[in-house]
């Protein structure tokens, strides 16, 4: 008999809202620093966003560009 593990309520709600999950989430074991991807610079790119203030116009412009959204 197999036991099916139910996702936590927060995960189910995020799924219903259309969340896109990183492949790093749920990966067994500790993450290596190289396995992390910057939300502004994109997967596999060198991070150069340390000077971008969170919530600034530049922050949201970079986020929109990464996800292919037009300003």
PDB file of N, CA and C in Angstrom:
ATOM      1  N   UNK A   1       0.849  -1.184   0.000  1.00  0.00           N
ATOM      2  CA  UNK A   1       0.000   0.000   0.000  1.00  0.00           C
ATOM      3  C   UNK A   1       0.892   1.244   0.000  1.00  0.00           C
ATOM      4  N   UNK A   2       0.695   2.099  -0.962  1.00  0.00           N
ATOM      5  CA  UNK A   2       1.495   3.322  -1.025  1.00  0.00           C
ATOM      6  C   UNK A   2       0.761   4.464  -0.335  1.00  0.00           C
ATOM      7  N   UNK A   3       1.531   5.286   0.292  1.00  0.00           N
ATOM      8  CA  UNK A   3       0.965   6.457   0.964  1.00  0.00           C
ATOM      9  C   UNK A   3       1.272   7.667   0.098  1.00  0.00           C
ATOM     10  N   UNK A   4       0.233   8.360  -0.280  1.00  0.00           N
ATOM     11  CA  UNK A   4       0.406   9.546  -1.114  1.00  0.00           C
ATOM     12  C   UNK A   4       0.545  10.763  -0.215  1.00  0.00           C
ATOM     13  N   UNK A   5       1.656  11.465  -0.372  1.00  0.00           N
ATOM     14  CA  UNK A   5       1.905  12.652   0.444  1.00  0.00           C
ATOM     15  C   UNK A   5       1.218  13.848  -0.202  1.00  0.00           C
ATOM     16  N   UNK A   6       0.395  14.533   0.563  1.00  0.00           N
ATOM     17  CA  UNK A   6      -0.322  15.700   0.059  1.00  0.00           C
ATOM     18  C   UNK A   6       0.550  16.944   0.173  1.00  0.00           C
ATOM     19  N   UNK A   7       0.477  17.787  -0.850  1.00  0.00           N
ATOM     20  CA  UNK A   7       1.239  19.038  -0.832  1.00  0.00           C
ATOM     21  C   UNK A   7       0.692  19.940   0.269  1.00  0.00           C
ATOM     22  N   UNK A   8       1.558  20.753   0.886  1.00  0.00           N
ATOM     23  CA  UNK A   8       1.079  21.724   1.881  1.00  0.00           C
ATOM     24  C   UNK A   8       0.085  22.708   1.246  1.00  0.00           C
ATOM     25  N   UNK A   9      -0.799  23.252   2.064  1.00  0.00           N
ATOM     26  CA  UNK A   9      -1.846  24.165   1.583  1.00  0.00           C
ATOM     27  C   UNK A   9      -1.254  25.354   0.832  1.00  0.00           C
ATOM     28  N   UNK A  10      -0.144  25.897   1.313  1.00  0.00           N
ATOM     29  CA  UNK A  10       0.458  27.062   0.651  1.00  0.00           C
ATOM     30  C   UNK A  10       0.925  26.710  -0.761  1.00  0.00           C
ATOM     31  N   UNK A  11       1.441  25.497  -0.944  1.00  0.00           N
ATOM     32  CA  UNK A  11       1.899  25.063  -2.267  1.00  0.00           C
ATOM     33  C   UNK A  11       0.696  24.882  -3.191  1.00  0.00           C
ATOM     34  N   UNK A  12      -0.364  24.285  -2.686  1.00  0.00           N
ATOM     35  CA  UNK A  12      -1.570  24.089  -3.507  1.00  0.00           C
ATOM     36  C   UNK A  12      -2.152  25.438  -3.939  1.00  0.00           C
ATOM     37  N   UNK A  13      -2.169  26.407  -3.039  1.00  0.00           N
ATOM     38  CA  UNK A  13      -2.695  27.735  -3.381  1.00  0.00           C
ATOM     39  C   UNK A  13      -1.818  28.417  -4.420  1.00  0.00           C
ATOM     40  N   UNK A  14      -0.504  28.316  -4.239  1.00  0.00           N
ATOM     41  CA  UNK A  14       0.417  28.923  -5.213  1.00  0.00           C
ATOM     42  C   UNK A  14       0.256  28.259  -6.579  1.00  0.00           C
ATOM     43  N   UNK A  15       0.067  26.944  -6.601  1.00  0.00           N
ATOM     44  CA  UNK A  15      -0.166  26.233  -7.867  1.00  0.00           C
ATOM     45  C   UNK A  15      -1.420  26.751  -8.565  1.00  0.00           C
ATOM     46  N   UNK A  16      -2.476  26.960  -7.794  1.00  0.00           N
ATOM     47  CA  UNK A  16      -3.726  27.465  -8.375  1.00  0.00           C
ATOM     48  C   UNK A  16      -3.552  28.866  -8.945  1.00  0.00           C
ATOM     49  N   UNK A  17      -2.637  29.639  -8.378  1.00  0.00           N
ATOM     50  CA  UNK A  17      -2.377  31.001  -8.859  1.00  0.00           C
ATOM     51  C   UNK A  17      -1.412  31.011 -10.045  1.00  0.00           C
ATOM     52  N   UNK A  18      -0.922  29.836 -10.434  1.00  0.00           N
ATOM     53  CA  UNK A  18      -0.045  29.754 -11.591  1.00  0.00           C
ATOM     54  C   UNK A  18       1.430  29.885 -11.269  1.00  0.00           C
ATOM     55  N   UNK A  19       1.835  29.509 -10.059  1.00  0.00           N
ATOM     56  CA  UNK A  19       3.242  29.615  -9.674  1.00  0.00           C
ATOM     57  C   UNK A  19       4.124  28.802 -10.600  1.00  0.00           C
ATOM     58  N   UNK A  20       5.307  29.319 -10.857  1.00  0.00           N
ATOM     59  CA  UNK A  20       6.318  28.587 -11.610  1.00  0.00           C
ATOM     60  C   UNK A  20       7.420  28.239 -10.621  1.00  0.00           C
ATOM     61  N   UNK A  21       7.655  26.952 -10.454  1.00  0.00           N
ATOM     62  CA  UNK A  21       8.589  26.487  -9.431  1.00  0.00           C
ATOM     63  C   UNK A  21       9.974  26.251 -10.010  1.00  0.00           C
ATOM     64  N   UNK A  22      10.966  26.674  -9.280  1.00  0.00           N
ATOM     65  CA  UNK A  22      12.349  26.430  -9.660  1.00  0.00           C
ATOM     66  C   UNK A  22      12.648  24.944  -9.520  1.00  0.00           C
ATOM     67  N   UNK A  23      13.441  24.383 -10.431  1.00  0.00           N
ATOM     68  CA  UNK A  23      13.822  22.981 -10.280  1.00  0.00           C
ATOM     69  C   UNK A  23      14.650  22.736  -9.016  1.00  0.00           C
ATOM     70  N   UNK A  24      15.216  23.794  -8.431  1.00  0.00           N
ATOM     71  CA  UNK A  24      15.993  23.652  -7.205  1.00  0.00           C
ATOM     72  C   UNK A  24      15.105  23.387  -5.998  1.00  0.00           C
ATOM     73  N   UNK A  25      13.833  23.760  -6.077  1.00  0.00           N
ATOM     74  CA  UNK A  25      12.915  23.540  -4.959  1.00  0.00           C
ATOM     75  C   UNK A  25      12.564  22.063  -4.904  1.00  0.00           C
ATOM     76  N   UNK A  26      12.738  21.486  -3.752  1.00  0.00           N
ATOM     77  CA  UNK A  26      12.418  20.089  -3.576  1.00  0.00           C
ATOM     78  C   UNK A  26      13.556  19.151  -3.919  1.00  0.00           C
ATOM     79  N   UNK A  27      14.670  19.698  -4.358  1.00  0.00           N
ATOM     80  CA  UNK A  27      15.842  18.879  -4.669  1.00  0.00           C
ATOM     81  C   UNK A  27      16.398  18.336  -3.350  1.00  0.00           C
ATOM     82  N   UNK A  28      16.682  17.040  -3.303  1.00  0.00           N
ATOM     83  CA  UNK A  28      17.207  16.486  -2.047  1.00  0.00           C
ATOM     84  C   UNK A  28      18.612  17.000  -1.760  1.00  0.00           C
ATOM     85  N   UNK A  29      18.911  17.157  -0.506  1.00  0.00           N
ATOM     86  CA  UNK A  29      20.242  17.576  -0.085  1.00  0.00           C
ATOM     87  C   UNK A  29      20.437  19.071  -0.160  1.00  0.00           C
ATOM     88  N   UNK A  30      21.567  19.539   0.349  1.00  0.00           N
ATOM     89  CA  UNK A  30      21.851  20.985   0.330  1.00  0.00           C
ATOM     90  C   UNK A  30      22.139  21.467  -1.087  1.00  0.00           C
ATOM     91  N   UNK A  31      21.790  22.701  -1.334  1.00  0.00           N
ATOM     92  CA  UNK A  31      22.064  23.302  -2.642  1.00  0.00           C
ATOM     93  C   UNK A  31      23.471  23.866  -2.666  1.00  0.00           C
ATOM     94  N   UNK A  32      24.142  23.650  -3.772  1.00  0.00           N
ATOM     95  CA  UNK A  32      25.429  24.296  -3.954  1.00  0.00           C
ATOM     96  C   UNK A  32      25.154  25.718  -4.424  1.00  0.00           C
ATOM     97  N   UNK A  33      26.051  26.617  -4.115  1.00  0.00           N
ATOM     98  CA  UNK A  33      25.849  28.016  -4.488  1.00  0.00           C
ATOM     99  C   UNK A  33      25.681  28.161  -5.998  1.00  0.00           C
ATOM    100  N   UNK A  34      26.287  27.302  -6.789  1.00  0.00           N
ATOM    101  CA  UNK A  34      26.160  27.391  -8.244  1.00  0.00           C
ATOM    102  C   UNK A  34      24.792  26.935  -8.722  1.00  0.00           C
ATOM    103  N   UNK A  35      24.028  26.224  -7.883  1.00  0.00           N
ATOM    104  CA  UNK A  35      22.715  25.722  -8.281  1.00  0.00           C
ATOM    105  C   UNK A  35      21.631  26.785  -8.113  1.00  0.00           C
ATOM    106  N   UNK A  36      21.973  27.894  -7.495  1.00  0.00           N
ATOM    107  CA  UNK A  36      20.974  28.945  -7.260  1.00  0.00           C
ATOM    108  C   UNK A  36      20.980  29.918  -8.423  1.00  0.00           C
ATOM    109  N   UNK A  37      19.815  30.366  -8.782  1.00  0.00           N
ATOM    110  CA  UNK A  37      19.690  31.319  -9.875  1.00  0.00           C
ATOM    111  C   UNK A  37      19.095  32.620  -9.350  1.00  0.00           C
ATOM    112  N   UNK A  38      19.640  33.722  -9.799  1.00  0.00           N
ATOM    113  CA  UNK A  38      19.172  35.033  -9.384  1.00  0.00           C
ATOM    114  C   UNK A  38      17.837  35.342 -10.053  1.00  0.00           C
ATOM    115  N   UNK A  39      16.920  35.883  -9.297  1.00  0.00           N
ATOM    116  CA  UNK A  39      15.596  36.208  -9.831  1.00  0.00           C
ATOM    117  C   UNK A  39      15.651  37.351 -10.840  1.00  0.00           C
ATOM    118  N   UNK A  40      16.672  38.174 -10.779  1.00  0.00           N
ATOM    119  CA  UNK A  40      16.784  39.294 -11.715  1.00  0.00           C
ATOM    120  C   UNK A  40      17.709  39.021 -12.892  1.00  0.00           C
ATOM    121  N   UNK A  41      18.756  38.239 -12.654  1.00  0.00           N
ATOM    122  CA  UNK A  41      19.741  38.005 -13.711  1.00  0.00           C
ATOM    123  C   UNK A  41      19.385  36.813 -14.580  1.00  0.00           C
ATOM    124  N   UNK A  42      18.619  35.890 -14.064  1.00  0.00           N
ATOM    125  CA  UNK A  42      18.196  34.734 -14.833  1.00  0.00           C
ATOM    126  C   UNK A  42      19.042  33.509 -14.564  1.00  0.00           C
ATOM    127  N   UNK A  43      18.549  32.358 -14.979  1.00  0.00           N
ATOM    128  CA  UNK A  43      19.243  31.102 -14.720  1.00  0.00           C
ATOM    129  C   UNK A  43      20.578  31.001 -15.452  1.00  0.00           C
ATOM    130  N   UNK A  44      21.581  30.543 -14.728  1.00  0.00           N
ATOM    131  CA  UNK A  44      22.872  30.287 -15.325  1.00  0.00           C
ATOM    132  C   UNK A  44      23.696  31.503 -15.692  1.00  0.00           C
ATOM    133  N   UNK A  45      23.275  32.672 -15.294  1.00  0.00           N
ATOM    134  CA  UNK A  45      24.022  33.900 -15.619  1.00  0.00           C
ATOM    135  C   UNK A  45      24.764  34.404 -14.390  1.00  0.00           C
ATOM    136  N   UNK A  46      25.854  35.117 -14.633  1.00  0.00           N
ATOM    137  CA  UNK A  46      26.550  35.754 -13.524  1.00  0.00           C
ATOM    138  C   UNK A  46      25.661  36.850 -12.950  1.00  0.00           C
ATOM    139  N   UNK A  47      25.551  36.884 -11.657  1.00  0.00           N
ATOM    140  CA  UNK A  47      24.680  37.854 -10.994  1.00  0.00           C
ATOM    141  C   UNK A  47      25.370  39.221 -10.942  1.00  0.00           C
ATOM    142  N   UNK A  48      24.662  40.242 -11.433  1.00  0.00           N
ATOM    143  CA  UNK A  48      25.203  41.605 -11.375  1.00  0.00           C
ATOM    144  C   UNK A  48      24.156  42.580 -10.838  1.00  0.00           C
ATOM    145  N   UNK A  49      23.278  42.079  -9.980  1.00  0.00           N
ATOM    146  CA  UNK A  49      22.156  42.918  -9.543  1.00  0.00           C
ATOM    147  C   UNK A  49      22.286  43.412  -8.100  1.00  0.00           C
ATOM    148  N   UNK A  50      23.427  43.216  -7.485  1.00  0.00           N
ATOM    149  CA  UNK A  50      23.565  43.594  -6.075  1.00  0.00           C
ATOM    150  C   UNK A  50      23.285  45.072  -5.827  1.00  0.00           C
ATOM    151  N   UNK A  51      23.491  45.902  -6.827  1.00  0.00           N
ATOM    152  CA  UNK A  51      23.271  47.335  -6.636  1.00  0.00           C
ATOM    153  C   UNK A  51      21.845  47.767  -6.970  1.00  0.00           C
ATOM    154  N   UNK A  52      20.988  46.832  -7.378  1.00  0.00           N
ATOM    155  CA  UNK A  52      19.609  47.164  -7.731  1.00  0.00           C
ATOM    156  C   UNK A  52      18.741  47.106  -6.473  1.00  0.00           C
ATOM    157  N   UNK A  53      18.222  48.233  -5.999  1.00  0.00           N
ATOM    158  CA  UNK A  53      17.415  48.236  -4.780  1.00  0.00           C
ATOM    159  C   UNK A  53      16.105  47.460  -4.978  1.00  0.00           C
ATOM    160  N   UNK A  54      15.790  46.592  -4.014  1.00  0.00           N
ATOM    161  CA  UNK A  54      14.559  45.821  -4.073  1.00  0.00           C
ATOM    162  C   UNK A  54      13.358  46.765  -4.135  1.00  0.00           C
ATOM    163  N   UNK A  55      12.456  46.488  -5.065  1.00  0.00           N
ATOM    164  CA  UNK A  55      11.237  47.277  -5.187  1.00  0.00           C
ATOM    165  C   UNK A  55      11.367  48.534  -6.027  1.00  0.00           C
ATOM    166  N   UNK A  56      12.570  48.823  -6.512  1.00  0.00           N
ATOM    167  CA  UNK A  56      12.764  50.032  -7.326  1.00  0.00           C
ATOM    168  C   UNK A  56      12.213  49.809  -8.734  1.00  0.00           C
ATOM    169  N   UNK A  57      12.084  50.890  -9.488  1.00  0.00           N
ATOM    170  CA  UNK A  57      11.631  50.780 -10.877  1.00  0.00           C
ATOM    171  C   UNK A  57      12.578  49.903 -11.688  1.00  0.00           C
ATOM    172  N   UNK A  58      13.879  50.041 -11.439  1.00  0.00           N
ATOM    173  CA  UNK A  58      14.861  49.220 -12.154  1.00  0.00           C
ATOM    174  C   UNK A  58      14.687  47.739 -11.813  1.00  0.00           C
ATOM    175  N   UNK A  59      14.409  47.438 -10.546  1.00  0.00           N
ATOM    176  CA  UNK A  59      14.179  46.050 -10.111  1.00  0.00           C
ATOM    177  C   UNK A  59      13.027  45.435 -10.901  1.00  0.00           C
ATOM    178  N   UNK A  60      11.891  46.130 -10.957  1.00  0.00           N
ATOM    179  CA  UNK A  60      10.730  45.578 -11.652  1.00  0.00           C
ATOM    180  C   UNK A  60      10.934  45.544 -13.164  1.00  0.00           C
ATOM    181  N   UNK A  61      11.689  46.484 -13.721  1.00  0.00           N
ATOM    182  CA  UNK A  61      11.990  46.460 -15.150  1.00  0.00           C
ATOM    183  C   UNK A  61      12.841  45.241 -15.499  1.00  0.00           C
ATOM    184  N   UNK A  62      13.825  44.930 -14.661  1.00  0.00           N
ATOM    185  CA  UNK A  62      14.663  43.742 -14.897  1.00  0.00           C
ATOM    186  C   UNK A  62      13.854  42.468 -14.747  1.00  0.00           C
ATOM    187  N   UNK A  63      12.986  42.420 -13.749  1.00  0.00           N
ATOM    188  CA  UNK A  63      12.141  41.246 -13.530  1.00  0.00           C
ATOM    189  C   UNK A  63      11.201  41.033 -14.715  1.00  0.00           C
ATOM    190  N   UNK A  64      10.583  42.106 -15.181  1.00  0.00           N
ATOM    191  CA  UNK A  64       9.684  42.012 -16.343  1.00  0.00           C
ATOM    192  C   UNK A  64      10.434  41.564 -17.592  1.00  0.00           C
ATOM    193  N   UNK A  65      11.648  42.093 -17.804  1.00  0.00           N
ATOM    194  CA  UNK A  65      12.433  41.715 -18.973  1.00  0.00           C
ATOM    195  C   UNK A  65      12.807  40.236 -18.932  1.00  0.00           C
ATOM    196  N   UNK A  66      13.156  39.739 -17.761  1.00  0.00           N
ATOM    197  CA  UNK A  66      13.522  38.336 -17.625  1.00  0.00           C
ATOM    198  C   UNK A  66      12.352  37.420 -17.958  1.00  0.00           C
ATOM    199  N   UNK A  67      11.150  37.824 -17.581  1.00  0.00           N
ATOM    200  CA  UNK A  67       9.959  37.006 -17.811  1.00  0.00           C
ATOM    201  C   UNK A  67       9.256  37.330 -19.123  1.00  0.00           C
ATOM    202  N   UNK A  68       9.864  38.207 -19.932  1.00  0.00           N
ATOM    203  CA  UNK A  68       9.325  38.506 -21.238  1.00  0.00           C
ATOM    204  C   UNK A  68       8.083  39.387 -21.233  1.00  0.00           C
ATOM    205  N   UNK A  69       7.895  40.131 -20.161  1.00  0.00           N
ATOM    206  CA  UNK A  69       6.743  41.038 -20.094  1.00  0.00           C
ATOM    207  C   UNK A  69       7.139  42.391 -20.641  1.00  0.00           C
ATOM    208  N   UNK A  70       6.250  43.002 -21.367  1.00  0.00           N
ATOM    209  CA  UNK A  70       6.496  44.335 -21.933  1.00  0.00           C
ATOM    210  C   UNK A  70       6.187  45.388 -20.875  1.00  0.00           C
ATOM    211  N   UNK A  71       6.956  46.493 -20.863  1.00  0.00           N
ATOM    212  CA  UNK A  71       6.680  47.570 -19.881  1.00  0.00           C
ATOM    213  C   UNK A  71       5.374  48.275 -20.166  1.00  0.00           C
TER     214      UNK A  71
END
